[in-house]
């Protein structure tokens, strides 16, 4: 009888420990993927999936580090007045661009947007958004326009 009581007590202790771990969470240490420079940094990850950087924290009033954008989203809309809502947009060379294009229903030929230098030809039907992705490699000014060159805008790449 004593042996059964000990096994039951051990089982209850083990179950309590498992529940405490599940409810309280636990910490897993993992390595972050290597950076382009070849070094790696540690990340402290909790069971809930949040990641906390290791190492010294920056002062509270320090500005956030500025990093290059992963993708540059540009939004242009052809208006029924015969122009684009943005006649000039600016992007950085070497960074992928996601060019979002839409047109109002009365935009006529403006429902088409063409950028020959990047092989872009978009048609907005019923005001729907069309998207082209490309990466400008050279600085310069590149024109975007409708098929009849009545709507004209430019993209400045720096």
N, C-alpha and C. Protein backbone atom coordinates (compact mmCIF):
# COMPACT_ATOMS: atom_id res chain seq x y z
N UNK A 1 0.81 -1.19 0.00
CA UNK A 1 0.00 0.00 0.00
C UNK A 1 0.86 1.26 0.00
N UNK A 2 1.96 1.23 0.76
CA UNK A 2 2.85 2.36 0.83
C UNK A 2 3.49 2.63 -0.53
N UNK A 3 3.83 1.55 -1.26
CA UNK A 3 4.45 1.70 -2.57
C UNK A 3 3.50 2.38 -3.54
N UNK A 4 2.22 2.05 -3.53
CA UNK A 4 1.22 2.67 -4.40
C UNK A 4 1.07 4.14 -4.06
N UNK A 5 1.08 4.46 -2.76
CA UNK A 5 0.96 5.85 -2.32
C UNK A 5 2.16 6.67 -2.78
N UNK A 6 3.37 6.11 -2.74
CA UNK A 6 4.58 6.81 -3.17
C UNK A 6 4.50 7.03 -4.68
N UNK A 7 4.09 6.04 -5.45
CA UNK A 7 3.98 6.19 -6.90
C UNK A 7 2.94 7.26 -7.24
N UNK A 8 1.83 7.26 -6.51
CA UNK A 8 0.79 8.25 -6.77
C UNK A 8 1.30 9.65 -6.44
N UNK A 9 2.04 9.80 -5.35
CA UNK A 9 2.61 11.08 -4.96
C UNK A 9 3.64 11.54 -5.99
N UNK A 10 4.49 10.63 -6.43
CA UNK A 10 5.50 10.96 -7.44
C UNK A 10 4.84 11.40 -8.74
N UNK A 11 3.80 10.69 -9.14
CA UNK A 11 3.08 11.03 -10.37
C UNK A 11 2.45 12.41 -10.25
N UNK A 12 1.87 12.72 -9.09
CA UNK A 12 1.24 14.03 -8.89
C UNK A 12 2.29 15.14 -8.90
N UNK A 13 3.45 14.89 -8.28
CA UNK A 13 4.53 15.89 -8.29
C UNK A 13 5.02 16.14 -9.72
N UNK A 14 5.19 15.05 -10.47
CA UNK A 14 5.64 15.18 -11.86
C UNK A 14 4.61 15.95 -12.68
N UNK A 15 3.33 15.65 -12.53
CA UNK A 15 2.27 16.35 -13.26
C UNK A 15 2.24 17.83 -12.87
N UNK A 16 2.43 18.11 -11.59
CA UNK A 16 2.47 19.50 -11.13
C UNK A 16 3.64 20.26 -11.74
N UNK A 17 4.80 19.59 -11.83
CA UNK A 17 5.97 20.21 -12.44
C UNK A 17 5.72 20.52 -13.91
N UNK A 18 5.14 19.58 -14.63
CA UNK A 18 4.84 19.78 -16.06
C UNK A 18 3.87 20.95 -16.23
N UNK A 19 2.84 21.00 -15.42
CA UNK A 19 1.87 22.10 -15.50
C UNK A 19 2.52 23.44 -15.18
N UNK A 20 3.41 23.47 -14.20
CA UNK A 20 4.10 24.71 -13.84
C UNK A 20 4.95 25.20 -14.99
N UNK A 21 5.64 24.28 -15.64
CA UNK A 21 6.47 24.66 -16.79
C UNK A 21 5.60 25.19 -17.91
N UNK A 22 4.50 24.50 -18.20
CA UNK A 22 3.62 24.93 -19.29
C UNK A 22 2.97 26.27 -18.98
N UNK A 23 2.51 26.46 -17.77
CA UNK A 23 1.81 27.69 -17.41
C UNK A 23 2.78 28.86 -17.26
N UNK A 24 3.92 28.62 -16.67
CA UNK A 24 4.86 29.70 -16.39
C UNK A 24 5.77 30.03 -17.55
N UNK A 25 5.88 29.15 -18.49
CA UNK A 25 6.76 29.38 -19.62
C UNK A 25 8.18 29.00 -19.26
N UNK A 26 9.01 28.92 -20.25
CA UNK A 26 10.40 28.62 -20.04
C UNK A 26 11.20 29.40 -21.08
N UNK A 27 12.48 29.49 -20.86
CA UNK A 27 13.34 30.29 -21.73
C UNK A 27 14.21 29.35 -22.55
N UNK A 28 14.28 29.66 -23.82
CA UNK A 28 15.09 28.88 -24.75
C UNK A 28 16.14 29.80 -25.33
N UNK A 29 17.34 29.36 -25.33
CA UNK A 29 18.41 30.15 -25.92
C UNK A 29 18.68 29.64 -27.32
N UNK A 30 18.78 30.57 -28.27
CA UNK A 30 19.05 30.21 -29.66
C UNK A 30 20.00 31.22 -30.25
N UNK A 31 20.60 30.88 -31.32
CA UNK A 31 21.47 31.82 -32.02
C UNK A 31 20.70 32.46 -33.16
N UNK A 32 20.93 33.75 -33.35
CA UNK A 32 20.33 34.45 -34.49
C UNK A 32 21.06 34.04 -35.74
N UNK A 33 20.40 34.15 -36.91
CA UNK A 33 21.10 33.84 -38.16
C UNK A 33 22.29 34.76 -38.35
N UNK A 34 23.31 34.27 -39.01
CA UNK A 34 24.49 35.09 -39.26
C UNK A 34 24.12 36.31 -40.08
N UNK A 35 24.81 37.41 -39.82
CA UNK A 35 24.59 38.62 -40.60
C UNK A 35 25.52 38.60 -41.80
N UNK A 36 25.39 39.60 -42.66
CA UNK A 36 26.22 39.67 -43.86
C UNK A 36 27.69 39.75 -43.49
N UNK A 37 28.01 40.34 -42.32
CA UNK A 37 29.40 40.47 -41.90
C UNK A 37 29.96 39.16 -41.39
N UNK A 38 29.10 38.14 -41.17
CA UNK A 38 29.58 36.84 -40.78
C UNK A 38 29.51 36.59 -39.29
N UNK A 39 29.16 37.56 -38.49
CA UNK A 39 29.06 37.31 -37.06
C UNK A 39 27.64 36.96 -36.69
N UNK A 40 27.44 36.45 -35.48
CA UNK A 40 26.09 36.13 -35.06
C UNK A 40 25.87 36.71 -33.67
N UNK A 41 24.62 36.96 -33.36
CA UNK A 41 24.28 37.48 -32.04
C UNK A 41 23.28 36.54 -31.42
N UNK A 42 23.28 36.48 -30.10
CA UNK A 42 22.33 35.62 -29.40
C UNK A 42 21.00 36.30 -29.25
N UNK A 43 19.95 35.49 -29.21
CA UNK A 43 18.61 36.00 -28.98
C UNK A 43 18.01 35.21 -27.84
N UNK A 44 17.35 35.89 -26.95
CA UNK A 44 16.67 35.24 -25.85
C UNK A 44 15.22 35.10 -26.26
N UNK A 45 14.75 33.87 -26.42
CA UNK A 45 13.38 33.65 -26.88
C UNK A 45 12.58 32.97 -25.78
N UNK A 46 11.36 33.41 -25.58
CA UNK A 46 10.50 32.77 -24.59
C UNK A 46 9.58 31.79 -25.29
N UNK A 47 8.88 30.98 -24.52
CA UNK A 47 8.00 29.98 -25.11
C UNK A 47 6.84 30.62 -25.85
N UNK A 48 6.56 31.89 -25.58
CA UNK A 48 5.48 32.56 -26.28
C UNK A 48 5.94 33.14 -27.62
N UNK A 49 7.21 32.97 -27.98
CA UNK A 49 7.69 33.39 -29.29
C UNK A 49 8.27 34.79 -29.30
N UNK A 50 8.30 35.50 -28.20
CA UNK A 50 8.87 36.84 -28.21
C UNK A 50 10.38 36.73 -28.13
N UNK A 51 11.07 37.64 -28.75
CA UNK A 51 12.52 37.62 -28.75
C UNK A 51 13.03 38.87 -28.07
N UNK A 52 14.02 38.67 -27.22
CA UNK A 52 14.63 39.79 -26.52
C UNK A 52 16.10 39.80 -26.89
N UNK A 53 16.65 40.95 -27.36
CA UNK A 53 18.05 40.99 -27.72
C UNK A 53 18.92 40.85 -26.48
N UNK A 54 20.04 40.19 -26.63
CA UNK A 54 20.97 40.09 -25.53
C UNK A 54 21.98 41.22 -25.63
N UNK A 55 22.70 41.45 -24.56
CA UNK A 55 23.73 42.48 -24.57
C UNK A 55 23.23 43.75 -23.92
N UNK A 56 24.09 44.77 -23.88
CA UNK A 56 23.70 46.01 -23.22
C UNK A 56 22.60 46.72 -23.99
N UNK A 57 21.70 47.33 -23.25
CA UNK A 57 20.61 48.09 -23.86
C UNK A 57 21.08 49.51 -24.13
N UNK A 58 20.59 50.16 -25.21
CA UNK A 58 20.97 51.55 -25.47
C UNK A 58 20.32 52.46 -24.43
N UNK A 59 20.89 53.64 -24.21
CA UNK A 59 20.27 54.59 -23.28
C UNK A 59 18.84 54.88 -23.72
N UNK A 60 17.97 55.20 -22.75
CA UNK A 60 16.56 55.39 -23.05
C UNK A 60 16.32 56.54 -24.02
N UNK A 61 17.13 57.56 -24.02
CA UNK A 61 16.91 58.71 -24.91
C UNK A 61 17.66 58.58 -26.23
N UNK A 62 18.33 57.47 -26.45
CA UNK A 62 19.08 57.29 -27.69
C UNK A 62 18.13 57.09 -28.85
N UNK A 63 18.44 57.66 -30.02
CA UNK A 63 17.57 57.45 -31.19
C UNK A 63 17.66 56.00 -31.64
N UNK A 64 16.58 55.53 -32.20
CA UNK A 64 16.54 54.16 -32.72
C UNK A 64 17.49 54.05 -33.89
N UNK A 65 18.17 52.92 -34.02
CA UNK A 65 19.08 52.76 -35.16
C UNK A 65 18.30 52.78 -36.46
N UNK A 66 18.88 53.43 -37.46
CA UNK A 66 18.23 53.53 -38.76
C UNK A 66 18.78 52.43 -39.65
N UNK A 67 17.89 51.63 -40.22
CA UNK A 67 18.32 50.58 -41.12
C UNK A 67 17.68 50.80 -42.48
N UNK A 68 18.32 50.26 -43.48
CA UNK A 68 17.81 50.41 -44.83
C UNK A 68 16.49 49.64 -44.95
N UNK A 69 15.53 50.20 -45.68
CA UNK A 69 14.26 49.49 -45.83
C UNK A 69 14.44 48.21 -46.63
N UNK A 70 13.64 47.21 -46.31
CA UNK A 70 13.68 45.94 -47.02
C UNK A 70 13.02 46.07 -48.39
N UNK A 71 11.93 46.81 -48.45
CA UNK A 71 11.17 47.04 -49.68
C UNK A 71 10.62 48.45 -49.61
N UNK A 72 10.62 49.14 -50.74
CA UNK A 72 10.06 50.49 -50.81
C UNK A 72 8.69 50.39 -51.48
N UNK A 73 7.64 50.68 -50.73
CA UNK A 73 6.29 50.66 -51.28
C UNK A 73 5.96 52.05 -51.82
N UNK A 74 5.57 52.10 -53.09
CA UNK A 74 5.19 53.34 -53.76
C UNK A 74 3.74 53.19 -54.22
N UNK A 75 2.92 54.20 -53.95
CA UNK A 75 1.50 54.17 -54.33
C UNK A 75 1.21 55.33 -55.27
N UNK A 76 0.70 55.01 -56.46
CA UNK A 76 0.32 56.02 -57.44
C UNK A 76 -1.08 55.71 -57.93
N UNK A 77 -1.90 56.76 -58.04
CA UNK A 77 -3.27 56.58 -58.50
C UNK A 77 -3.54 57.55 -59.65
N UNK A 78 -4.13 57.04 -60.74
CA UNK A 78 -4.54 57.89 -61.86
C UNK A 78 -5.91 58.47 -61.52
N UNK A 79 -6.00 59.80 -61.62
CA UNK A 79 -7.25 60.49 -61.26
C UNK A 79 -8.07 60.80 -62.50
N UNK A 80 -9.36 60.95 -62.32
CA UNK A 80 -10.24 61.27 -63.45
C UNK A 80 -10.00 62.69 -63.97
N UNK A 81 -9.19 63.48 -63.27
CA UNK A 81 -8.86 64.84 -63.72
C UNK A 81 -7.75 64.84 -64.77
N UNK A 82 -7.18 63.67 -65.07
CA UNK A 82 -6.16 63.58 -66.12
C UNK A 82 -4.74 63.64 -65.60
N UNK A 83 -4.53 63.44 -64.31
CA UNK A 83 -3.18 63.44 -63.73
C UNK A 83 -3.06 62.27 -62.74
N UNK A 84 -1.84 62.04 -62.32
CA UNK A 84 -1.59 61.09 -61.24
C UNK A 84 -1.66 61.85 -59.92
N UNK A 85 -2.04 61.15 -58.86
CA UNK A 85 -2.06 61.82 -57.55
C UNK A 85 -0.65 62.16 -57.09
N UNK A 86 0.35 61.42 -57.58
CA UNK A 86 1.76 61.73 -57.29
C UNK A 86 2.49 61.81 -58.63
N UNK A 87 2.90 63.00 -58.98
CA UNK A 87 3.62 63.16 -60.25
C UNK A 87 5.11 62.93 -60.08
N UNK A 88 5.58 62.80 -58.83
CA UNK A 88 6.98 62.47 -58.58
C UNK A 88 7.07 61.62 -57.31
N UNK A 89 7.82 60.55 -57.42
CA UNK A 89 8.09 59.69 -56.27
C UNK A 89 9.60 59.49 -56.18
N UNK A 90 10.11 59.27 -54.98
CA UNK A 90 11.55 59.09 -54.77
C UNK A 90 11.80 57.73 -54.13
N UNK A 91 12.82 57.04 -54.63
CA UNK A 91 13.23 55.74 -54.10
C UNK A 91 14.75 55.67 -54.06
N UNK A 92 15.27 54.65 -53.37
CA UNK A 92 16.72 54.44 -53.27
C UNK A 92 17.14 53.34 -54.23
N UNK A 93 18.28 53.53 -54.87
CA UNK A 93 18.78 52.49 -55.77
C UNK A 93 19.24 51.28 -54.97
N UNK A 94 19.13 50.12 -55.56
CA UNK A 94 19.55 48.89 -54.93
C UNK A 94 18.57 48.30 -53.93
N UNK A 95 17.47 48.99 -53.67
CA UNK A 95 16.46 48.51 -52.73
C UNK A 95 15.21 48.16 -53.53
N UNK A 96 14.67 46.97 -53.36
CA UNK A 96 13.48 46.58 -54.14
C UNK A 96 12.33 47.57 -53.97
N UNK A 97 11.62 47.80 -55.08
CA UNK A 97 10.46 48.69 -55.09
C UNK A 97 9.22 47.85 -55.36
N UNK A 98 8.18 48.10 -54.60
CA UNK A 98 6.87 47.50 -54.84
C UNK A 98 5.99 48.66 -55.27
N UNK A 99 5.71 48.75 -56.57
CA UNK A 99 4.97 49.86 -57.17
C UNK A 99 3.49 49.49 -57.24
N UNK A 100 2.66 50.17 -56.43
CA UNK A 100 1.21 49.92 -56.37
C UNK A 100 0.53 50.95 -57.27
N UNK A 101 -0.30 50.48 -58.19
CA UNK A 101 -0.98 51.38 -59.11
C UNK A 101 -2.47 51.09 -59.13
N UNK A 102 -3.26 52.17 -59.08
CA UNK A 102 -4.71 52.05 -59.23
C UNK A 102 -5.20 53.27 -60.01
N UNK A 103 -6.44 53.21 -60.48
CA UNK A 103 -6.99 54.31 -61.27
C UNK A 103 -8.46 54.50 -60.95
N UNK A 104 -8.88 55.75 -60.92
CA UNK A 104 -10.31 56.04 -60.75
C UNK A 104 -11.04 55.59 -62.01
N UNK A 105 -12.34 55.34 -61.88
CA UNK A 105 -13.10 54.80 -63.02
C UNK A 105 -13.12 55.77 -64.21
N UNK A 106 -13.05 57.07 -63.98
CA UNK A 106 -13.09 58.04 -65.08
C UNK A 106 -11.72 58.45 -65.60
N UNK A 107 -10.67 57.65 -65.31
CA UNK A 107 -9.31 58.03 -65.70
C UNK A 107 -8.99 57.77 -67.16
N UNK A 108 -9.86 57.11 -67.89
CA UNK A 108 -9.63 56.88 -69.33
C UNK A 108 -8.34 56.12 -69.58
N UNK A 109 -7.47 56.69 -70.45
CA UNK A 109 -6.22 56.01 -70.79
C UNK A 109 -5.28 55.92 -69.58
N UNK A 110 -5.57 56.69 -68.53
CA UNK A 110 -4.76 56.65 -67.31
C UNK A 110 -4.88 55.34 -66.56
N UNK A 111 -5.79 54.46 -66.99
CA UNK A 111 -5.91 53.15 -66.34
C UNK A 111 -4.71 52.26 -66.64
N UNK A 112 -3.85 52.73 -67.54
CA UNK A 112 -2.62 51.99 -67.89
C UNK A 112 -1.43 52.79 -67.38
N UNK A 113 -0.46 52.10 -66.78
CA UNK A 113 0.79 52.74 -66.35
C UNK A 113 1.94 51.94 -66.91
N UNK A 114 2.89 52.65 -67.54
CA UNK A 114 4.03 52.01 -68.18
C UNK A 114 5.32 52.65 -67.67
N UNK A 115 6.31 51.81 -67.41
CA UNK A 115 7.69 52.24 -67.10
C UNK A 115 8.61 51.32 -67.90
N UNK A 116 8.99 51.76 -69.08
CA UNK A 116 9.76 50.91 -69.98
C UNK A 116 11.07 50.43 -69.37
N UNK A 117 11.79 51.30 -68.66
CA UNK A 117 13.11 50.96 -68.13
C UNK A 117 13.08 49.77 -67.17
N UNK A 118 11.93 49.52 -66.56
CA UNK A 118 11.83 48.43 -65.59
C UNK A 118 10.88 47.33 -66.06
N UNK A 119 10.42 47.41 -67.31
CA UNK A 119 9.53 46.39 -67.86
C UNK A 119 8.17 46.36 -67.20
N UNK A 120 7.69 47.52 -66.73
CA UNK A 120 6.42 47.60 -66.02
C UNK A 120 5.31 48.04 -66.97
N UNK A 121 4.23 47.29 -66.96
CA UNK A 121 3.02 47.66 -67.69
C UNK A 121 1.84 47.16 -66.86
N UNK A 122 1.14 48.10 -66.22
CA UNK A 122 0.04 47.75 -65.32
C UNK A 122 -1.27 48.32 -65.84
N UNK A 123 -2.36 47.57 -65.67
CA UNK A 123 -3.68 48.02 -66.07
C UNK A 123 -4.61 47.87 -64.85
N UNK A 124 -5.21 49.00 -64.44
CA UNK A 124 -6.15 48.99 -63.33
C UNK A 124 -7.57 48.89 -63.88
N UNK A 125 -8.22 47.80 -63.57
CA UNK A 125 -9.61 47.61 -64.01
C UNK A 125 -10.54 47.84 -62.83
N UNK A 126 -11.57 48.64 -63.04
CA UNK A 126 -12.57 48.92 -62.01
C UNK A 126 -11.95 49.45 -60.72
N UNK A 127 -10.87 50.22 -60.83
CA UNK A 127 -10.23 50.81 -59.66
C UNK A 127 -9.35 49.86 -58.89
N UNK A 128 -9.18 48.64 -59.38
CA UNK A 128 -8.37 47.65 -58.67
C UNK A 128 -6.90 48.00 -58.68
N UNK A 129 -6.21 47.60 -57.63
CA UNK A 129 -4.78 47.85 -57.51
C UNK A 129 -3.98 46.77 -58.21
N UNK A 130 -2.97 47.21 -58.96
CA UNK A 130 -2.03 46.31 -59.61
C UNK A 130 -0.65 46.61 -59.03
N UNK A 131 0.20 45.61 -58.93
CA UNK A 131 1.50 45.79 -58.29
C UNK A 131 2.60 45.21 -59.17
N UNK A 132 3.69 45.98 -59.29
CA UNK A 132 4.89 45.51 -59.98
C UNK A 132 6.05 45.62 -59.00
N UNK A 133 6.96 44.65 -59.06
CA UNK A 133 8.13 44.68 -58.20
C UNK A 133 9.38 44.67 -59.06
N UNK A 134 10.33 45.55 -58.71
CA UNK A 134 11.59 45.65 -59.43
C UNK A 134 12.61 46.32 -58.52
N UNK A 135 13.88 46.25 -58.90
CA UNK A 135 14.95 46.87 -58.11
C UNK A 135 15.74 47.79 -59.02
N UNK A 136 15.63 49.11 -58.82
CA UNK A 136 16.42 50.04 -59.63
C UNK A 136 17.90 49.97 -59.23
N UNK A 137 18.76 49.76 -60.20
CA UNK A 137 20.19 49.62 -59.91
C UNK A 137 20.97 50.91 -60.13
N UNK A 138 20.42 51.82 -60.94
CA UNK A 138 21.14 53.06 -61.27
C UNK A 138 20.35 54.28 -60.84
N UNK A 139 21.08 55.27 -60.31
CA UNK A 139 20.44 56.54 -59.95
C UNK A 139 20.00 57.24 -61.22
N UNK A 140 18.96 58.05 -61.11
CA UNK A 140 18.47 58.79 -62.27
C UNK A 140 16.99 59.09 -62.12
N UNK A 141 16.43 59.69 -63.17
CA UNK A 141 15.01 60.01 -63.19
C UNK A 141 14.36 59.18 -64.29
N UNK A 142 13.31 58.47 -63.92
CA UNK A 142 12.64 57.57 -64.84
C UNK A 142 11.17 57.95 -64.93
N UNK A 143 10.65 58.00 -66.15
CA UNK A 143 9.27 58.42 -66.39
C UNK A 143 8.32 57.25 -66.28
N UNK A 144 7.15 57.52 -65.69
CA UNK A 144 6.02 56.59 -65.78
C UNK A 144 4.89 57.37 -66.42
N UNK A 145 4.10 56.67 -67.24
CA UNK A 145 3.08 57.37 -68.03
C UNK A 145 2.00 56.39 -68.47
N UNK A 146 0.90 56.95 -68.98
CA UNK A 146 -0.14 56.10 -69.56
C UNK A 146 0.31 55.70 -70.96
N UNK A 147 -0.46 54.87 -71.62
CA UNK A 147 -0.10 54.41 -72.95
C UNK A 147 -0.05 55.52 -74.00
N UNK A 148 -0.75 56.64 -73.76
CA UNK A 148 -0.80 57.74 -74.74
C UNK A 148 0.08 58.92 -74.31
N UNK A 149 0.81 58.78 -73.22
CA UNK A 149 1.67 59.83 -72.66
C UNK A 149 0.88 61.07 -72.25
N UNK A 150 -0.39 60.91 -71.91
CA UNK A 150 -1.20 62.03 -71.43
C UNK A 150 -1.04 62.19 -69.92
N UNK A 151 -0.96 61.09 -69.20
CA UNK A 151 -0.66 61.09 -67.76
C UNK A 151 0.86 60.86 -67.67
N UNK A 152 1.56 61.74 -66.97
CA UNK A 152 3.02 61.61 -66.88
C UNK A 152 3.47 61.87 -65.45
N UNK A 153 4.37 61.05 -64.98
CA UNK A 153 5.00 61.23 -63.68
C UNK A 153 6.44 60.77 -63.77
N UNK A 154 7.18 60.95 -62.68
CA UNK A 154 8.57 60.51 -62.71
C UNK A 154 8.98 59.92 -61.37
N UNK A 155 9.87 58.96 -61.46
CA UNK A 155 10.44 58.32 -60.28
C UNK A 155 11.91 58.71 -60.21
N UNK A 156 12.30 59.34 -59.11
CA UNK A 156 13.67 59.77 -58.92
C UNK A 156 14.37 58.72 -58.06
N UNK A 157 15.43 58.13 -58.60
CA UNK A 157 16.19 57.11 -57.92
C UNK A 157 17.51 57.73 -57.46
N UNK A 158 17.78 57.68 -56.15
CA UNK A 158 19.04 58.25 -55.64
C UNK A 158 19.86 57.21 -54.92
